[in-house]
Amino acid sequence: RVSTVDKGQDPETQLLVLREYAARRAYVMVGEYVDY
């Protein structure tokens, strides 16, 4: 979740870390949800 796009916030920054965490633990990714 990011609250302001105009200040350079990018949800991809958060998602990247979360994807890596899930991959390291061999979790099966079933969805990604992003809110602004």
PDB file of all heavy atoms in Angstrom:
ATOM      1  N   ARG A   1       0.849  -1.190   0.000  1.00  0.00           N
ATOM      2  CA  ARG A   1       0.000   0.000   0.000  1.00  0.00           C
ATOM      3  C   ARG A   1       0.879   1.231   0.000  1.00  0.00           C
ATOM      4  O   ARG A   1       1.887   1.290   0.691  1.00  0.00           O
ATOM      5  CB  ARG A   1      -0.887   0.024   1.248  1.00  0.00           C
ATOM      6  CG  ARG A   1      -1.826   1.220   1.290  1.00  0.00           C
ATOM      7  CD  ARG A   1      -2.374   1.448   2.678  1.00  0.00           C
ATOM      8  NE  ARG A   1      -1.343   1.629   3.688  1.00  0.00           N
ATOM      9  CZ  ARG A   1      -0.652   2.741   3.902  1.00  0.00           C
ATOM     10  NH1 ARG A   1      -0.844   3.796   3.158  1.00  0.00           N
ATOM     11  NH2 ARG A   1       0.254   2.803   4.853  1.00  0.00           N
ATOM     12  N   VAL A   2       0.505   2.173  -0.810  1.00  0.00           N
ATOM     13  CA  VAL A   2       1.139   3.486  -0.771  1.00  0.00           C
ATOM     14  C   VAL A   2       0.042   4.524  -0.673  1.00  0.00           C
ATOM     15  O   VAL A   2      -1.042   4.363  -1.222  1.00  0.00           O
ATOM     16  CB  VAL A   2       2.041   3.765  -1.996  1.00  0.00           C
ATOM     17  CG1 VAL A   2       3.219   2.814  -2.025  1.00  0.00           C
ATOM     18  CG2 VAL A   2       1.278   3.681  -3.289  1.00  0.00           C
ATOM     19  N   SER A   3       0.337   5.589   0.051  1.00  0.00           N
ATOM     20  CA  SER A   3      -0.695   6.601   0.252  1.00  0.00           C
ATOM     21  C   SER A   3      -0.552   7.777  -0.706  1.00  0.00           C
ATOM     22  O   SER A   3      -1.535   8.446  -1.004  1.00  0.00           O
ATOM     23  CB  SER A   3      -0.696   7.097   1.697  1.00  0.00           C
ATOM     24  OG  SER A   3       0.573   7.584   2.041  1.00  0.00           O
ATOM     25  N   THR A   4       0.661   8.024  -1.185  1.00  0.00           N
ATOM     26  CA  THR A   4       0.847   9.152  -2.098  1.00  0.00           C
ATOM     27  C   THR A   4       1.791   8.764  -3.223  1.00  0.00           C
ATOM     28  O   THR A   4       2.963   8.487  -2.984  1.00  0.00           O
ATOM     29  CB  THR A   4       1.416  10.381  -1.369  1.00  0.00           C
ATOM     30  OG1 THR A   4       2.616  10.005  -0.713  1.00  0.00           O
ATOM     31  CG2 THR A   4       0.442  10.943  -0.367  1.00  0.00           C
ATOM     32  N   VAL A   5       1.281   8.756  -4.416  1.00  0.00           N
ATOM     33  CA  VAL A   5       2.094   8.427  -5.580  1.00  0.00           C
ATOM     34  C   VAL A   5       2.961   9.618  -5.973  1.00  0.00           C
ATOM     35  O   VAL A   5       4.087   9.459  -6.436  1.00  0.00           O
ATOM     36  CB  VAL A   5       1.194   8.007  -6.759  1.00  0.00           C
ATOM     37  CG1 VAL A   5       2.025   7.709  -7.994  1.00  0.00           C
ATOM     38  CG2 VAL A   5       0.350   6.806  -6.388  1.00  0.00           C
ATOM     39  N   ASP A   6       2.457  10.813  -5.737  1.00  0.00           N
ATOM     40  CA  ASP A   6       3.169  12.019  -6.160  1.00  0.00           C
ATOM     41  C   ASP A   6       4.460  12.290  -5.385  1.00  0.00           C
ATOM     42  O   ASP A   6       5.248  13.130  -5.763  1.00  0.00           O
ATOM     43  CB  ASP A   6       2.247  13.231  -6.091  1.00  0.00           C
ATOM     44  CG  ASP A   6       1.771  13.533  -4.689  1.00  0.00           C
ATOM     45  OD1 ASP A   6       1.624  12.592  -3.886  1.00  0.00           O
ATOM     46  OD2 ASP A   6       1.539  14.715  -4.386  1.00  0.00           O
ATOM     47  N   LYS A   7       4.696  11.567  -4.312  1.00  0.00           N
ATOM     48  CA  LYS A   7       5.919  11.763  -3.528  1.00  0.00           C
ATOM     49  C   LYS A   7       6.938  10.659  -3.785  1.00  0.00           C
ATOM     50  O   LYS A   7       7.837  10.425  -2.988  1.00  0.00           O
ATOM     51  CB  LYS A   7       5.581  11.851  -2.046  1.00  0.00           C
ATOM     52  CG  LYS A   7       4.778  13.090  -1.720  1.00  0.00           C
ATOM     53  CD  LYS A   7       4.566  13.251  -0.250  1.00  0.00           C
ATOM     54  CE  LYS A   7       3.740  14.519  -0.008  1.00  0.00           C
ATOM     55  NZ  LYS A   7       3.328  14.639   1.356  1.00  0.00           N
ATOM     56  N   GLY A   8       6.778   9.952  -4.916  1.00  0.00           N
ATOM     57  CA  GLY A   8       7.752   8.945  -5.297  1.00  0.00           C
ATOM     58  C   GLY A   8       7.576   7.593  -4.637  1.00  0.00           C
ATOM     59  O   GLY A   8       8.444   6.738  -4.766  1.00  0.00           O
ATOM     60  N   GLN A   9       6.489   7.386  -3.934  1.00  0.00           N
ATOM     61  CA  GLN A   9       6.255   6.080  -3.332  1.00  0.00           C
ATOM     62  C   GLN A   9       5.891   5.085  -4.430  1.00  0.00           C
ATOM     63  O   GLN A   9       5.118   5.396  -5.329  1.00  0.00           O
ATOM     64  CB  GLN A   9       5.141   6.146  -2.298  1.00  0.00           C
ATOM     65  CG  GLN A   9       5.491   6.961  -1.087  1.00  0.00           C
ATOM     66  CD  GLN A   9       4.367   6.977  -0.062  1.00  0.00           C
ATOM     67  OE1 GLN A   9       3.238   6.632  -0.358  1.00  0.00           O
ATOM     68  NE2 GLN A   9       4.681   7.388   1.143  1.00  0.00           N
ATOM     69  N   ASP A  10       6.443   3.901  -4.346  1.00  0.00           N
ATOM     70  CA  ASP A  10       6.208   2.872  -5.346  1.00  0.00           C
ATOM     71  C   ASP A  10       5.937   1.546  -4.647  1.00  0.00           C
ATOM     72  O   ASP A  10       6.796   1.051  -3.911  1.00  0.00           O
ATOM     73  CB  ASP A  10       7.434   2.766  -6.247  1.00  0.00           C
ATOM     74  CG  ASP A  10       7.271   1.767  -7.366  1.00  0.00           C
ATOM     75  OD1 ASP A  10       6.183   1.173  -7.511  1.00  0.00           O
ATOM     76  OD2 ASP A  10       8.246   1.572  -8.112  1.00  0.00           O
ATOM     77  N   PRO A  11       4.774   0.952  -4.864  1.00  0.00           N
ATOM     78  CA  PRO A  11       4.482  -0.322  -4.201  1.00  0.00           C
ATOM     79  C   PRO A  11       5.432  -1.434  -4.632  1.00  0.00           C
ATOM     80  O   PRO A  11       5.622  -2.412  -3.913  1.00  0.00           O
ATOM     81  CB  PRO A  11       3.044  -0.619  -4.611  1.00  0.00           C
ATOM     82  CG  PRO A  11       2.817   0.167  -5.853  1.00  0.00           C
ATOM     83  CD  PRO A  11       3.669   1.377  -5.722  1.00  0.00           C
ATOM     84  N   GLU A  12       6.032  -1.285  -5.797  1.00  0.00           N
ATOM     85  CA  GLU A  12       6.959  -2.319  -6.272  1.00  0.00           C
ATOM     86  C   GLU A  12       8.113  -2.519  -5.301  1.00  0.00           C
ATOM     87  O   GLU A  12       8.634  -3.621  -5.162  1.00  0.00           O
ATOM     88  CB  GLU A  12       7.468  -1.954  -7.664  1.00  0.00           C
ATOM     89  CG  GLU A  12       8.171  -3.088  -8.369  1.00  0.00           C
ATOM     90  CD  GLU A  12       7.299  -4.305  -8.622  1.00  0.00           C
ATOM     91  OE1 GLU A  12       6.084  -4.161  -8.826  1.00  0.00           O
ATOM     92  OE2 GLU A  12       7.849  -5.431  -8.607  1.00  0.00           O
ATOM     93  N   THR A  13       8.509  -1.461  -4.609  1.00  0.00           N
ATOM     94  CA  THR A  13       9.573  -1.560  -3.612  1.00  0.00           C
ATOM     95  C   THR A  13       9.182  -2.541  -2.508  1.00  0.00           C
ATOM     96  O   THR A  13       9.986  -3.377  -2.094  1.00  0.00           O
ATOM     97  CB  THR A  13       9.851  -0.170  -2.997  1.00  0.00           C
ATOM     98  OG1 THR A  13      10.132   0.741  -4.046  1.00  0.00           O
ATOM     99  CG2 THR A  13      11.003  -0.215  -2.022  1.00  0.00           C
ATOM    100  N   GLN A  14       7.955  -2.467  -2.050  1.00  0.00           N
ATOM    101  CA  GLN A  14       7.458  -3.373  -1.020  1.00  0.00           C
ATOM    102  C   GLN A  14       7.277  -4.779  -1.581  1.00  0.00           C
ATOM    103  O   GLN A  14       7.639  -5.775  -0.943  1.00  0.00           O
ATOM    104  CB  GLN A  14       6.122  -2.874  -0.476  1.00  0.00           C
ATOM    105  CG  GLN A  14       6.186  -1.523   0.195  1.00  0.00           C
ATOM    106  CD  GLN A  14       4.801  -0.993   0.510  1.00  0.00           C
ATOM    107  OE1 GLN A  14       3.915  -1.731   0.920  1.00  0.00           O
ATOM    108  NE2 GLN A  14       4.609   0.294   0.303  1.00  0.00           N
ATOM    109  N   LEU A  15       6.700  -4.862  -2.778  1.00  0.00           N
ATOM    110  CA  LEU A  15       6.409  -6.164  -3.378  1.00  0.00           C
ATOM    111  C   LEU A  15       7.678  -6.964  -3.644  1.00  0.00           C
ATOM    112  O   LEU A  15       7.693  -8.189  -3.457  1.00  0.00           O
ATOM    113  CB  LEU A  15       5.614  -5.988  -4.666  1.00  0.00           C
ATOM    114  CG  LEU A  15       4.201  -5.433  -4.491  1.00  0.00           C
ATOM    115  CD1 LEU A  15       3.594  -5.099  -5.848  1.00  0.00           C
ATOM    116  CD2 LEU A  15       3.319  -6.406  -3.738  1.00  0.00           C
ATOM    117  N   LEU A  16       8.729  -6.308  -4.063  1.00  0.00           N
ATOM    118  CA  LEU A  16       9.978  -6.995  -4.353  1.00  0.00           C
ATOM    119  C   LEU A  16      10.494  -7.741  -3.128  1.00  0.00           C
ATOM    120  O   LEU A  16      10.848  -8.921  -3.202  1.00  0.00           O
ATOM    121  CB  LEU A  16      11.030  -5.996  -4.848  1.00  0.00           C
ATOM    122  CG  LEU A  16      12.404  -6.571  -5.179  1.00  0.00           C
ATOM    123  CD1 LEU A  16      12.317  -7.566  -6.319  1.00  0.00           C
ATOM    124  CD2 LEU A  16      13.369  -5.459  -5.523  1.00  0.00           C
ATOM    125  N   VAL A  17      10.512  -7.076  -2.004  1.00  0.00           N
ATOM    126  CA  VAL A  17      10.983  -7.693  -0.755  1.00  0.00           C
ATOM    127  C   VAL A  17      10.077  -8.862  -0.362  1.00  0.00           C
ATOM    128  O   VAL A  17      10.549  -9.928   0.043  1.00  0.00           O
ATOM    129  CB  VAL A  17      11.053  -6.643   0.375  1.00  0.00           C
ATOM    130  CG1 VAL A  17      11.395  -7.296   1.697  1.00  0.00           C
ATOM    131  CG2 VAL A  17      12.040  -5.561   0.029  1.00  0.00           C
ATOM    132  N   LEU A  18       8.773  -8.667  -0.492  1.00  0.00           N
ATOM    133  CA  LEU A  18       7.832  -9.724  -0.130  1.00  0.00           C
ATOM    134  C   LEU A  18       7.937 -10.932  -1.058  1.00  0.00           C
ATOM    135  O   LEU A  18       7.859 -12.082  -0.607  1.00  0.00           O
ATOM    136  CB  LEU A  18       6.408  -9.170  -0.127  1.00  0.00           C
ATOM    137  CG  LEU A  18       6.125  -8.134   0.954  1.00  0.00           C
ATOM    138  CD1 LEU A  18       4.801  -7.433   0.685  1.00  0.00           C
ATOM    139  CD2 LEU A  18       6.139  -8.773   2.321  1.00  0.00           C
ATOM    140  N   ARG A  19       8.125 -10.692  -2.339  1.00  0.00           N
ATOM    141  CA  ARG A  19       8.308 -11.797  -3.300  1.00  0.00           C
ATOM    142  C   ARG A  19       9.559 -12.602  -2.968  1.00  0.00           C
ATOM    143  O   ARG A  19       9.551 -13.831  -3.005  1.00  0.00           O
ATOM    144  CB  ARG A  19       8.420 -11.249  -4.717  1.00  0.00           C
ATOM    145  CG  ARG A  19       7.136 -10.750  -5.295  1.00  0.00           C
ATOM    146  CD  ARG A  19       7.391 -10.265  -6.724  1.00  0.00           C
ATOM    147  NE  ARG A  19       6.296  -9.440  -7.186  1.00  0.00           N
ATOM    148  CZ  ARG A  19       6.421  -8.205  -7.646  1.00  0.00           C
ATOM    149  NH1 ARG A  19       7.608  -7.622  -7.721  1.00  0.00           N
ATOM    150  NH2 ARG A  19       5.364  -7.535  -8.049  1.00  0.00           N
ATOM    151  N   GLU A  20      10.642 -11.898  -2.661  1.00  0.00           N
ATOM    152  CA  GLU A  20      11.894 -12.574  -2.316  1.00  0.00           C
ATOM    153  C   GLU A  20      11.740 -13.406  -1.048  1.00  0.00           C
ATOM    154  O   GLU A  20      12.230 -14.535  -0.961  1.00  0.00           O
ATOM    155  CB  GLU A  20      13.019 -11.561  -2.150  1.00  0.00           C
ATOM    156  CG  GLU A  20      13.448 -10.925  -3.453  1.00  0.00           C
ATOM    157  CD  GLU A  20      14.437  -9.785  -3.273  1.00  0.00           C
ATOM    158  OE1 GLU A  20      14.724  -9.400  -2.102  1.00  0.00           O
ATOM    159  OE2 GLU A  20      14.918  -9.270  -4.290  1.00  0.00           O
ATOM    160  N   TYR A  21      11.052 -12.862  -0.069  1.00  0.00           N
ATOM    161  CA  TYR A  21      10.803 -13.575   1.182  1.00  0.00           C
ATOM    162  C   TYR A  21      10.040 -14.870   0.913  1.00  0.00           C
ATOM    163  O   TYR A  21      10.406 -15.942   1.402  1.00  0.00           O
ATOM    164  CB  TYR A  21      10.011 -12.672   2.134  1.00  0.00           C
ATOM    165  CG  TYR A  21       9.705 -13.285   3.475  1.00  0.00           C
ATOM    166  CD1 TYR A  21      10.584 -13.155   4.534  1.00  0.00           C
ATOM    167  CD2 TYR A  21       8.523 -13.988   3.689  1.00  0.00           C
ATOM    168  CE1 TYR A  21      10.307 -13.712   5.773  1.00  0.00           C
ATOM    169  CE2 TYR A  21       8.240 -14.553   4.916  1.00  0.00           C
ATOM    170  CZ  TYR A  21       9.134 -14.414   5.957  1.00  0.00           C
ATOM    171  OH  TYR A  21       8.866 -14.981   7.172  1.00  0.00           O
ATOM    172  N   ALA A  22       8.983 -14.776   0.123  1.00  0.00           N
ATOM    173  CA  ALA A  22       8.167 -15.951  -0.198  1.00  0.00           C
ATOM    174  C   ALA A  22       8.979 -16.975  -0.987  1.00  0.00           C
ATOM    175  O   ALA A  22       8.880 -18.183  -0.738  1.00  0.00           O
ATOM    176  CB  ALA A  22       6.927 -15.535  -0.976  1.00  0.00           C
ATOM    177  N   ALA A  23       9.780 -16.525  -1.925  1.00  0.00           N
ATOM    178  CA  ALA A  23      10.583 -17.436  -2.735  1.00  0.00           C
ATOM    179  C   ALA A  23      11.610 -18.183  -1.884  1.00  0.00           C
ATOM    180  O   ALA A  23      11.805 -19.393  -2.072  1.00  0.00           O
ATOM    181  CB  ALA A  23      11.279 -16.663  -3.852  1.00  0.00           C
ATOM    182  N   ARG A  24      12.253 -17.471  -0.958  1.00  0.00           N
ATOM    183  CA  ARG A  24      13.248 -18.115  -0.084  1.00  0.00           C
ATOM    184  C   ARG A  24      12.631 -19.233   0.743  1.00  0.00           C
ATOM    185  O   ARG A  24      13.305 -20.186   1.099  1.00  0.00           O
ATOM    186  CB  ARG A  24      13.894 -17.093   0.844  1.00  0.00           C
ATOM    187  CG  ARG A  24      14.961 -16.251   0.193  1.00  0.00           C
ATOM    188  CD  ARG A  24      15.799 -15.488   1.221  1.00  0.00           C
ATOM    189  NE  ARG A  24      15.049 -14.756   2.208  1.00  0.00           N
ATOM    190  CZ  ARG A  24      14.615 -13.493   2.067  1.00  0.00           C
ATOM    191  NH1 ARG A  24      14.866 -12.840   0.950  1.00  0.00           N
ATOM    192  NH2 ARG A  24      13.945 -12.900   3.018  1.00  0.00           N
ATOM    193  N   ARG A  25      11.367 -19.116   1.043  1.00  0.00           N
ATOM    194  CA  ARG A  25      10.696 -20.122   1.863  1.00  0.00           C
ATOM    195  C   ARG A  25       9.883 -21.118   1.044  1.00  0.00           C
ATOM    196  O   ARG A  25       9.164 -21.925   1.579  1.00  0.00           O
ATOM    197  CB  ARG A  25       9.814 -19.423   2.893  1.00  0.00           C
ATOM    198  CG  ARG A  25      10.687 -18.849   4.003  1.00  0.00           C
ATOM    199  CD  ARG A  25      10.061 -17.698   4.713  1.00  0.00           C
ATOM    200  NE  ARG A  25      10.943 -17.189   5.740  1.00  0.00           N
ATOM    201  CZ  ARG A  25      12.021 -16.431   5.522  1.00  0.00           C
ATOM    202  NH1 ARG A  25      12.361 -16.114   4.301  1.00  0.00           N
ATOM    203  NH2 ARG A  25      12.757 -16.004   6.508  1.00  0.00           N
ATOM    204  N   ALA A  26       9.995 -21.000  -0.277  1.00  0.00           N
ATOM    205  CA  ALA A  26       9.308 -21.904  -1.211  1.00  0.00           C
ATOM    206  C   ALA A  26       7.793 -21.867  -1.039  1.00  0.00           C
ATOM    207  O   ALA A  26       7.111 -22.871  -1.215  1.00  0.00           O
ATOM    208  CB  ALA A  26       9.846 -23.329  -1.070  1.00  0.00           C
ATOM    209  N   TYR A  27       7.262 -20.694  -0.712  1.00  0.00           N
ATOM    210  CA  TYR A  27       5.820 -20.519  -0.634  1.00  0.00           C
ATOM    211  C   TYR A  27       5.262 -20.410  -2.052  1.00  0.00           C
ATOM    212  O   TYR A  27       5.913 -19.908  -2.956  1.00  0.00           O
ATOM    213  CB  TYR A  27       5.449 -19.251   0.129  1.00  0.00           C
ATOM    214  CG  TYR A  27       5.802 -19.246   1.595  1.00  0.00           C
ATOM    215  CD1 TYR A  27       5.931 -18.042   2.277  1.00  0.00           C
ATOM    216  CD2 TYR A  27       6.009 -20.407   2.320  1.00  0.00           C
ATOM    217  CE1 TYR A  27       6.245 -18.003   3.624  1.00  0.00           C
ATOM    218  CE2 TYR A  27       6.334 -20.374   3.660  1.00  0.00           C
ATOM    219  CZ  TYR A  27       6.445 -19.171   4.307  1.00  0.00           C
ATOM    220  OH  TYR A  27       6.761 -19.143   5.635  1.00  0.00           O
ATOM    221  N   VAL A  28       4.035 -20.846  -2.227  1.00  0.00           N
ATOM    222  CA  VAL A  28       3.352 -20.718  -3.503  1.00  0.00           C
ATOM    223  C   VAL A  28       2.597 -19.387  -3.493  1.00  0.00           C
ATOM    224  O   VAL A  28       1.685 -19.194  -2.693  1.00  0.00           O
ATOM    225  CB  VAL A  28       2.365 -21.891  -3.732  1.00  0.00           C
ATOM    226  CG1 VAL A  28       1.592 -21.699  -5.011  1.00  0.00           C
ATOM    227  CG2 VAL A  28       3.112 -23.210  -3.731  1.00  0.00           C
ATOM    228  N   MET A  29       2.986 -18.495  -4.386  1.00  0.00           N
ATOM    229  CA  MET A  29       2.343 -17.181  -4.461  1.00  0.00           C
ATOM    230  C   MET A  29       1.012 -17.311  -5.203  1.00  0.00           C
ATOM    231  O   MET A  29       0.971 -17.740  -6.343  1.00  0.00           O
ATOM    232  CB  MET A  29       3.260 -16.206  -5.203  1.00  0.00           C
ATOM    233  CG  MET A  29       2.746 -14.805  -5.235  1.00  0.00           C
ATOM    234  SD  MET A  29       2.892 -13.950  -3.673  1.00  0.00           S
ATOM    235  CE  MET A  29       4.660 -13.986  -3.466  1.00  0.00           C
ATOM    236  N   VAL A  30      -0.062 -16.934  -4.523  1.00  0.00           N
ATOM    237  CA  VAL A  30      -1.384 -17.049  -5.142  1.00  0.00           C
ATOM    238  C   VAL A  30      -2.027 -15.703  -5.450  1.00  0.00           C
ATOM    239  O   VAL A  30      -3.077 -15.656  -6.084  1.00  0.00           O
ATOM    240  CB  VAL A  30      -2.346 -17.901  -4.279  1.00  0.00           C
ATOM    241  CG1 VAL A  30      -1.841 -19.328  -4.178  1.00  0.00           C
ATOM    242  CG2 VAL A  30      -2.537 -17.303  -2.908  1.00  0.00           C
ATOM    243  N   GLY A  31      -1.402 -14.615  -5.020  1.00  0.00           N
ATOM    244  CA  GLY A  31      -1.980 -13.314  -5.329  1.00  0.00           C
ATOM    245  C   GLY A  31      -1.147 -12.166  -4.821  1.00  0.00           C
ATOM    246  O   GLY A  31      -0.362 -12.307  -3.881  1.00  0.00           O
ATOM    247  N   GLU A  32      -1.314 -11.040  -5.501  1.00  0.00           N
ATOM    248  CA  GLU A  32      -0.698  -9.782  -5.076  1.00  0.00           C
ATOM    249  C   GLU A  32      -1.782  -8.714  -5.089  1.00  0.00           C
ATOM    250  O   GLU A  32      -2.564  -8.642  -6.037  1.00  0.00           O
ATOM    251  CB  GLU A  32       0.423  -9.364  -6.030  1.00  0.00           C
ATOM    252  CG  GLU A  32       1.623 -10.272  -5.985  1.00  0.00           C
ATOM    253  CD  GLU A  32       2.775  -9.768  -6.837  1.00  0.00           C
ATOM    254  OE1 GLU A  32       2.698  -8.639  -7.374  1.00  0.00           O
ATOM    255  OE2 GLU A  32       3.770 -10.506  -6.965  1.00  0.00           O
ATOM    256  N   TYR A  33      -1.803  -7.908  -4.056  1.00  0.00           N
ATOM    257  CA  TYR A  33      -2.826  -6.884  -3.898  1.00  0.00           C
ATOM    258  C   TYR A  33      -2.156  -5.559  -3.603  1.00  0.00           C
ATOM    259  O   TYR A  33      -1.318  -5.475  -2.707  1.00  0.00           O
ATOM    260  CB  TYR A  33      -3.782  -7.266  -2.766  1.00  0.00           C
ATOM    261  CG  TYR A  33      -4.476  -8.587  -3.025  1.00  0.00           C
ATOM    262  CD1 TYR A  33      -3.882  -9.798  -2.680  1.00  0.00           C
ATOM    263  CD2 TYR A  33      -5.713  -8.617  -3.633  1.00  0.00           C
ATOM    264  CE1 TYR A  33      -4.512 -11.002  -2.937  1.00  0.00           C
ATOM    265  CE2 TYR A  33      -6.361  -9.816  -3.892  1.00  0.00           C
ATOM    266  CZ  TYR A  33      -5.743 -11.002  -3.541  1.00  0.00           C
ATOM    267  OH  TYR A  33      -6.383 -12.190  -3.810  1.00  0.00           O
ATOM    268  N   VAL A  34      -2.510  -4.535  -4.364  1.00  0.00           N
ATOM    269  CA  VAL A  34      -1.896  -3.217  -4.212  1.00  0.00           C
ATOM    270  C   VAL A  34      -2.984  -2.159  -4.103  1.00  0.00           C
ATOM    271  O   VAL A  34      -3.897  -2.105  -4.936  1.00  0.00           O
ATOM    272  CB  VAL A  34      -0.980  -2.888  -5.403  1.00  0.00           C
ATOM    273  CG1 VAL A  34      -0.395  -1.487  -5.243  1.00  0.00           C
ATOM    274  CG2 VAL A  34       0.119  -3.926  -5.542  1.00  0.00           C
ATOM    275  N   ASP A  35      -2.891  -1.343  -3.075  1.00  0.00           N
ATOM    276  CA  ASP A  35      -3.812  -0.223  -2.898  1.00  0.00           C
ATOM    277  C   ASP A  35      -3.040   1.082  -2.901  1.00  0.00           C
ATOM    278  O   ASP A  35      -1.902   1.154  -2.429  1.00  0.00           O
ATOM    279  CB  ASP A  35      -4.564  -0.332  -1.566  1.00  0.00           C
ATOM    280  CG  ASP A  35      -5.781  -1.228  -1.661  1.00  0.00           C
ATOM    281  OD1 ASP A  35      -6.649  -0.958  -2.503  1.00  0.00           O
ATOM    282  OD2 ASP A  35      -5.852  -2.185  -0.874  1.00  0.00           O
ATOM    283  N   TYR A  36      -3.676   2.102  -3.429  1.00  0.00           N
ATOM    284  CA  TYR A  36      -3.147   3.465  -3.419  1.00  0.00           C
ATOM    285  C   TYR A  36      -4.110   4.299  -2.578  1.00  0.00           C
ATOM    286  O   TYR A  36      -4.995   4.951  -3.102  1.00  0.00           O
ATOM    287  CB  TYR A  36      -3.073   4.026  -4.846  1.00  0.00           C
ATOM    288  CG  TYR A  36      -2.121   3.263  -5.733  1.00  0.00           C
ATOM    289  CD1 TYR A  36      -2.543   2.150  -6.448  1.00  0.00           C
ATOM    290  CD2 TYR A  36      -0.791   3.646  -5.827  1.00  0.00           C
ATOM    291  CE1 TYR A  36      -1.666   1.450  -7.250  1.00  0.00           C
ATOM    292  CE2 TYR A  36       0.091   2.952  -6.631  1.00  0.00           C
ATOM    293  CZ  TYR A  36      -0.354   1.842  -7.341  1.00  0.00           C
ATOM    294  OH  TYR A  36       0.514   1.142  -8.141  1.00  0.00           O
TER     295      TYR A  36
END
